[in-house]
Amino acid sequence: MRRLILAGLALLLMLGGCYTKPVRHLASDASLIRAGESTRQDVLRYLGEPNGRRTVSSGVEEFVYYEERRSLMQRTPLIGPFIGSEGNEMLMLTLTGDLVTDSVFRTFREDERDWANDFTWDELK
């Protein structure tokens, strides 16, 4: 009986590992966008709606896409959501009219800005 229970639990764990949901791979999707060639329609087709959008000036917009970089342990079923993130990825696109004129992709580690907590800040007067 004990073996049957252990086999059942092992089967459930393995099936949980097979569960996936659609994920945007920002780094590879960003390579599909070319400054000077790609249009607004291309951006929306490949990347979907941006996470942030702002108007810089008349006819110039910035689209920002970001996603969390998850470690191997974060992708583990059941315990993954309780583990901190590894960092973030960000893609910023500048559109002039309907044409992409600039594309910047960056990655950030989770601890990258820890120095700000240790720095002695002087107040501005």
N, C-alpha and C. Protein backbone atom coordinates (compact mmCIF):
# COMPACT_ATOMS: atom_id res chain seq x y z
N MET A 1 0.83 -1.20 0.00
CA MET A 1 0.00 0.00 0.00
C MET A 1 0.87 1.26 0.00
N ARG A 2 1.96 1.23 0.78
CA ARG A 2 2.85 2.38 0.88
C ARG A 2 3.49 2.68 -0.47
N ARG A 3 3.87 1.64 -1.20
CA ARG A 3 4.47 1.82 -2.52
C ARG A 3 3.49 2.45 -3.50
N LEU A 4 2.23 2.07 -3.41
CA LEU A 4 1.20 2.63 -4.28
C LEU A 4 1.03 4.12 -4.02
N ILE A 5 1.05 4.52 -2.77
CA ILE A 5 0.91 5.94 -2.41
C ILE A 5 2.12 6.73 -2.91
N LEU A 6 3.33 6.17 -2.70
CA LEU A 6 4.54 6.84 -3.18
C LEU A 6 4.55 6.95 -4.69
N ALA A 7 4.11 5.91 -5.38
CA ALA A 7 4.05 5.94 -6.85
C ALA A 7 3.05 7.00 -7.31
N GLY A 8 1.92 7.10 -6.64
CA GLY A 8 0.91 8.10 -6.97
C GLY A 8 1.43 9.52 -6.77
N LEU A 9 2.13 9.75 -5.65
CA LEU A 9 2.70 11.08 -5.39
C LEU A 9 3.79 11.42 -6.42
N ALA A 10 4.60 10.43 -6.76
CA ALA A 10 5.64 10.66 -7.78
C ALA A 10 5.01 11.00 -9.11
N LEU A 11 3.94 10.32 -9.47
CA LEU A 11 3.24 10.59 -10.73
C LEU A 11 2.66 12.00 -10.73
N LEU A 12 2.08 12.42 -9.62
CA LEU A 12 1.53 13.78 -9.54
C LEU A 12 2.63 14.83 -9.67
N LEU A 13 3.77 14.58 -9.03
CA LEU A 13 4.88 15.52 -9.15
C LEU A 13 5.38 15.61 -10.57
N MET A 14 5.49 14.49 -11.24
CA MET A 14 5.96 14.49 -12.63
C MET A 14 4.96 15.18 -13.56
N LEU A 15 3.68 14.95 -13.34
CA LEU A 15 2.67 15.61 -14.17
C LEU A 15 2.66 17.12 -13.92
N GLY A 16 2.91 17.52 -12.68
CA GLY A 16 2.99 18.94 -12.37
C GLY A 16 4.14 19.61 -13.09
N GLY A 17 5.23 18.88 -13.31
CA GLY A 17 6.37 19.41 -14.04
C GLY A 17 6.08 19.59 -15.52
N CYS A 18 5.08 18.91 -16.03
CA CYS A 18 4.73 19.02 -17.45
C CYS A 18 3.82 20.21 -17.72
N TYR A 19 3.25 20.80 -16.67
CA TYR A 19 2.34 21.91 -16.84
C TYR A 19 3.11 23.15 -17.30
N THR A 20 2.67 23.74 -18.37
CA THR A 20 3.28 24.99 -18.83
C THR A 20 2.18 25.94 -19.27
N LYS A 21 2.47 27.21 -19.16
CA LYS A 21 1.58 28.22 -19.69
C LYS A 21 2.36 29.01 -20.71
N PRO A 22 1.70 29.64 -21.66
CA PRO A 22 2.43 30.40 -22.67
C PRO A 22 3.29 31.49 -22.03
N VAL A 23 4.53 31.59 -22.47
CA VAL A 23 5.46 32.55 -21.90
C VAL A 23 6.06 33.37 -23.04
N ARG A 24 6.15 34.66 -22.82
CA ARG A 24 6.81 35.52 -23.80
C ARG A 24 8.30 35.45 -23.50
N HIS A 25 9.11 35.19 -24.50
CA HIS A 25 10.56 35.18 -24.36
C HIS A 25 11.08 36.50 -24.92
N LEU A 26 11.20 37.45 -24.05
CA LEU A 26 11.49 38.82 -24.46
C LEU A 26 12.81 38.94 -25.22
N ALA A 27 13.84 38.24 -24.78
CA ALA A 27 15.15 38.35 -25.44
C ALA A 27 15.08 37.88 -26.89
N SER A 28 14.44 36.75 -27.14
CA SER A 28 14.37 36.26 -28.52
C SER A 28 13.36 37.06 -29.35
N ASP A 29 12.26 37.50 -28.73
CA ASP A 29 11.28 38.30 -29.45
C ASP A 29 11.85 39.67 -29.82
N ALA A 30 12.74 40.21 -28.97
CA ALA A 30 13.34 41.51 -29.25
C ALA A 30 14.20 41.47 -30.51
N SER A 31 14.77 40.31 -30.81
CA SER A 31 15.61 40.20 -32.01
C SER A 31 14.80 40.27 -33.30
N LEU A 32 13.49 40.13 -33.21
CA LEU A 32 12.63 40.23 -34.38
C LEU A 32 12.36 41.69 -34.78
N ILE A 33 12.62 42.61 -33.86
CA ILE A 33 12.36 44.03 -34.10
C ILE A 33 13.64 44.71 -34.57
N ARG A 34 13.57 45.41 -35.70
CA ARG A 34 14.72 46.10 -36.29
C ARG A 34 14.42 47.59 -36.38
N ALA A 35 15.30 48.40 -35.77
CA ALA A 35 15.14 49.85 -35.85
C ALA A 35 15.29 50.29 -37.31
N GLY A 36 14.38 51.12 -37.75
CA GLY A 36 14.41 51.62 -39.12
C GLY A 36 13.67 50.74 -40.11
N GLU A 37 13.28 49.53 -39.71
CA GLU A 37 12.57 48.60 -40.60
C GLU A 37 11.21 48.18 -40.05
N SER A 38 11.14 47.87 -38.75
CA SER A 38 9.91 47.35 -38.16
C SER A 38 8.88 48.45 -37.95
N THR A 39 7.63 48.07 -38.07
CA THR A 39 6.53 49.02 -37.89
C THR A 39 5.79 48.73 -36.59
N ARG A 40 4.89 49.63 -36.23
CA ARG A 40 4.06 49.45 -35.04
C ARG A 40 3.30 48.12 -35.11
N GLN A 41 2.79 47.77 -36.29
CA GLN A 41 2.05 46.52 -36.46
C GLN A 41 2.95 45.32 -36.20
N ASP A 42 4.22 45.38 -36.64
CA ASP A 42 5.17 44.31 -36.38
C ASP A 42 5.38 44.14 -34.87
N VAL A 43 5.57 45.26 -34.18
CA VAL A 43 5.80 45.23 -32.73
C VAL A 43 4.62 44.58 -32.02
N LEU A 44 3.42 45.03 -32.35
CA LEU A 44 2.24 44.47 -31.68
C LEU A 44 2.02 43.00 -32.04
N ARG A 45 2.37 42.61 -33.25
CA ARG A 45 2.22 41.21 -33.66
C ARG A 45 3.19 40.31 -32.91
N TYR A 46 4.46 40.73 -32.80
CA TYR A 46 5.48 39.89 -32.18
C TYR A 46 5.47 39.95 -30.66
N LEU A 47 5.20 41.13 -30.10
CA LEU A 47 5.34 41.32 -28.65
C LEU A 47 4.02 41.54 -27.93
N GLY A 48 2.96 41.86 -28.65
CA GLY A 48 1.68 42.15 -28.00
C GLY A 48 1.65 43.56 -27.45
N GLU A 49 0.69 43.83 -26.61
CA GLU A 49 0.56 45.16 -26.00
C GLU A 49 1.71 45.39 -25.03
N PRO A 50 2.26 46.60 -25.00
CA PRO A 50 3.38 46.89 -24.10
C PRO A 50 2.94 46.94 -22.64
N ASN A 51 3.89 46.72 -21.73
CA ASN A 51 3.62 46.85 -20.30
C ASN A 51 3.51 48.31 -19.90
N GLY A 52 4.16 49.19 -20.67
CA GLY A 52 4.11 50.62 -20.42
C GLY A 52 4.24 51.37 -21.72
N ARG A 53 3.62 52.54 -21.76
CA ARG A 53 3.64 53.34 -22.98
C ARG A 53 3.62 54.81 -22.57
N ARG A 54 4.44 55.63 -23.26
CA ARG A 54 4.39 57.06 -22.98
C ARG A 54 4.65 57.84 -24.26
N THR A 55 4.10 59.03 -24.31
CA THR A 55 4.31 59.93 -25.44
C THR A 55 5.47 60.85 -25.08
N VAL A 56 6.51 60.83 -25.89
CA VAL A 56 7.70 61.64 -25.64
C VAL A 56 7.52 63.04 -26.22
N SER A 57 7.06 63.11 -27.45
CA SER A 57 6.75 64.38 -28.10
C SER A 57 5.72 64.09 -29.19
N SER A 58 5.37 65.09 -29.93
CA SER A 58 4.38 64.91 -30.98
C SER A 58 4.87 63.88 -32.00
N GLY A 59 4.15 62.78 -32.12
CA GLY A 59 4.49 61.74 -33.08
C GLY A 59 5.55 60.75 -32.61
N VAL A 60 6.07 60.92 -31.38
CA VAL A 60 7.10 60.01 -30.86
C VAL A 60 6.58 59.34 -29.58
N GLU A 61 6.60 58.01 -29.59
CA GLU A 61 6.15 57.22 -28.43
C GLU A 61 7.23 56.26 -28.00
N GLU A 62 7.19 55.87 -26.74
CA GLU A 62 8.05 54.80 -26.22
C GLU A 62 7.18 53.67 -25.71
N PHE A 63 7.52 52.46 -26.13
CA PHE A 63 6.87 51.25 -25.62
C PHE A 63 7.88 50.55 -24.73
N VAL A 64 7.44 50.09 -23.57
CA VAL A 64 8.31 49.36 -22.65
C VAL A 64 7.71 47.98 -22.40
N TYR A 65 8.53 46.96 -22.61
CA TYR A 65 8.16 45.58 -22.32
C TYR A 65 9.12 45.07 -21.26
N TYR A 66 8.62 44.37 -20.27
CA TYR A 66 9.50 43.78 -19.27
C TYR A 66 8.93 42.46 -18.79
N GLU A 67 9.84 41.63 -18.31
CA GLU A 67 9.43 40.36 -17.71
C GLU A 67 10.49 39.94 -16.71
N GLU A 68 10.06 39.13 -15.79
CA GLU A 68 10.94 38.63 -14.74
C GLU A 68 11.76 37.46 -15.27
N ARG A 69 13.06 37.46 -14.99
CA ARG A 69 13.90 36.31 -15.34
C ARG A 69 13.80 35.33 -14.19
N ARG A 70 13.35 34.13 -14.49
CA ARG A 70 13.16 33.13 -13.44
C ARG A 70 14.29 32.11 -13.48
N SER A 71 14.77 31.74 -12.31
CA SER A 71 15.81 30.73 -12.20
C SER A 71 15.19 29.35 -12.35
N LEU A 72 16.03 28.34 -12.41
CA LEU A 72 15.56 26.97 -12.52
C LEU A 72 14.68 26.60 -11.34
N MET A 73 15.07 27.02 -10.15
CA MET A 73 14.27 26.71 -8.96
C MET A 73 12.93 27.42 -8.99
N GLN A 74 12.86 28.59 -9.58
CA GLN A 74 11.59 29.32 -9.66
C GLN A 74 10.61 28.63 -10.58
N ARG A 75 11.11 27.88 -11.54
CA ARG A 75 10.24 27.17 -12.47
C ARG A 75 9.75 25.84 -11.91
N THR A 76 10.20 25.47 -10.73
CA THR A 76 9.81 24.23 -10.10
C THR A 76 8.37 24.34 -9.60
N PRO A 77 7.51 23.36 -9.94
CA PRO A 77 6.13 23.40 -9.46
C PRO A 77 6.07 23.39 -7.93
N LEU A 78 5.07 23.99 -7.39
CA LEU A 78 4.76 24.08 -5.97
C LEU A 78 5.68 25.02 -5.20
N ILE A 79 6.99 24.89 -5.30
CA ILE A 79 7.87 25.74 -4.51
C ILE A 79 8.37 26.97 -5.27
N GLY A 80 8.31 26.95 -6.59
CA GLY A 80 8.82 28.03 -7.42
C GLY A 80 8.30 29.41 -7.09
N PRO A 81 6.99 29.58 -6.88
CA PRO A 81 6.47 30.92 -6.60
C PRO A 81 6.98 31.53 -5.29
N PHE A 82 7.54 30.72 -4.41
CA PHE A 82 8.00 31.22 -3.12
C PHE A 82 9.48 31.62 -3.13
N ILE A 83 10.15 31.44 -4.26
CA ILE A 83 11.57 31.76 -4.38
C ILE A 83 11.71 33.11 -5.10
N GLY A 84 12.63 33.93 -4.63
CA GLY A 84 12.83 35.26 -5.21
C GLY A 84 13.29 35.21 -6.66
N SER A 85 13.09 36.30 -7.37
CA SER A 85 13.43 36.33 -8.79
C SER A 85 14.94 36.51 -8.98
N GLU A 86 15.40 36.14 -10.15
CA GLU A 86 16.81 36.27 -10.51
C GLU A 86 17.11 37.67 -11.04
N GLY A 87 16.13 38.30 -11.63
CA GLY A 87 16.30 39.64 -12.19
C GLY A 87 15.19 39.94 -13.18
N ASN A 88 15.41 40.94 -14.02
CA ASN A 88 14.40 41.35 -14.99
C ASN A 88 15.04 41.61 -16.34
N GLU A 89 14.21 41.55 -17.37
CA GLU A 89 14.60 41.93 -18.72
C GLU A 89 13.68 43.06 -19.15
N MET A 90 14.23 44.02 -19.90
CA MET A 90 13.43 45.16 -20.35
C MET A 90 13.78 45.49 -21.79
N LEU A 91 12.77 45.74 -22.57
CA LEU A 91 12.93 46.19 -23.95
C LEU A 91 12.21 47.53 -24.09
N MET A 92 12.95 48.56 -24.52
CA MET A 92 12.34 49.86 -24.74
C MET A 92 12.45 50.19 -26.22
N LEU A 93 11.29 50.45 -26.83
CA LEU A 93 11.22 50.77 -28.25
C LEU A 93 10.77 52.21 -28.41
N THR A 94 11.43 52.96 -29.28
CA THR A 94 11.00 54.31 -29.62
C THR A 94 10.38 54.26 -31.00
N LEU A 95 9.14 54.74 -31.11
CA LEU A 95 8.43 54.76 -32.38
C LEU A 95 8.20 56.20 -32.80
N THR A 96 8.61 56.51 -34.01
CA THR A 96 8.32 57.81 -34.60
C THR A 96 7.30 57.56 -35.69
N GLY A 97 6.09 58.05 -35.45
CA GLY A 97 4.99 57.70 -36.35
C GLY A 97 4.69 56.22 -36.17
N ASP A 98 4.74 55.46 -37.25
CA ASP A 98 4.52 54.01 -37.16
C ASP A 98 5.79 53.21 -37.36
N LEU A 99 6.96 53.86 -37.30
CA LEU A 99 8.24 53.18 -37.55
C LEU A 99 9.07 53.13 -36.27
N VAL A 100 9.66 51.97 -35.98
CA VAL A 100 10.55 51.83 -34.84
C VAL A 100 11.87 52.51 -35.18
N THR A 101 12.27 53.52 -34.38
CA THR A 101 13.50 54.24 -34.66
C THR A 101 14.62 53.89 -33.69
N ASP A 102 14.31 53.26 -32.56
CA ASP A 102 15.34 52.86 -31.60
C ASP A 102 14.84 51.67 -30.80
N SER A 103 15.76 50.79 -30.45
CA SER A 103 15.44 49.60 -29.68
C SER A 103 16.55 49.34 -28.68
N VAL A 104 16.21 49.26 -27.40
CA VAL A 104 17.20 49.02 -26.35
C VAL A 104 16.73 47.85 -25.50
N PHE A 105 17.57 46.80 -25.38
CA PHE A 105 17.27 45.64 -24.54
C PHE A 105 18.26 45.61 -23.39
N ARG A 106 17.77 45.45 -22.16
CA ARG A 106 18.63 45.41 -20.98
C ARG A 106 18.19 44.30 -20.05
N THR A 107 19.16 43.80 -19.30
CA THR A 107 18.85 42.86 -18.23
C THR A 107 19.31 43.47 -16.91
N PHE A 108 18.60 43.15 -15.85
CA PHE A 108 18.91 43.65 -14.52
C PHE A 108 18.94 42.48 -13.55
N ARG A 109 19.98 42.41 -12.73
CA ARG A 109 20.01 41.43 -11.65
C ARG A 109 19.17 41.97 -10.50
N GLU A 110 18.64 41.10 -9.69
CA GLU A 110 17.81 41.51 -8.57
C GLU A 110 18.59 42.35 -7.56
N ASP A 111 19.88 42.06 -7.38
CA ASP A 111 20.69 42.78 -6.39
C ASP A 111 21.45 43.97 -6.99
N GLU A 112 21.15 44.35 -8.19
CA GLU A 112 21.92 45.38 -8.89
C GLU A 112 21.86 46.74 -8.20
N ARG A 113 20.77 47.06 -7.55
CA ARG A 113 20.63 48.36 -6.92
C ARG A 113 20.77 48.30 -5.40
N ASP A 114 21.36 47.24 -4.88
CA ASP A 114 21.55 47.13 -3.43
C ASP A 114 22.46 48.22 -2.86
N TRP A 115 23.34 48.77 -3.69
CA TRP A 115 24.24 49.82 -3.23
C TRP A 115 23.47 51.02 -2.70
N ALA A 116 22.27 51.27 -3.23
CA ALA A 116 21.49 52.44 -2.82
C ALA A 116 21.08 52.34 -1.35
N ASN A 117 20.95 51.13 -0.83
CA ASN A 117 20.57 50.95 0.58
C ASN A 117 21.74 51.29 1.51
N ASP A 118 22.98 51.12 1.07
CA ASP A 118 24.16 51.34 1.89
C ASP A 118 24.73 52.74 1.74
N PHE A 119 24.35 53.45 0.72
CA PHE A 119 24.90 54.76 0.43
C PHE A 119 24.31 55.81 1.36
N THR A 120 25.15 56.73 1.83
CA THR A 120 24.67 57.82 2.68
C THR A 120 24.20 58.96 1.78
N TRP A 121 22.92 59.18 1.78
CA TRP A 121 22.33 60.19 0.90
C TRP A 121 22.29 61.54 1.60
N ASP A 122 22.70 62.58 0.89
CA ASP A 122 22.58 63.94 1.40
C ASP A 122 21.27 64.51 0.90
N GLU A 123 20.57 65.19 1.80
CA GLU A 123 19.30 65.79 1.39
C GLU A 123 19.56 67.05 0.58
N LEU A 124 18.77 67.24 -0.47
CA LEU A 124 18.85 68.44 -1.28
C LEU A 124 18.08 69.57 -0.61
N LYS A 125 18.65 70.76 -0.68
CA LYS A 125 17.98 71.91 -0.06
C LYS A 125 17.58 72.92 -1.10
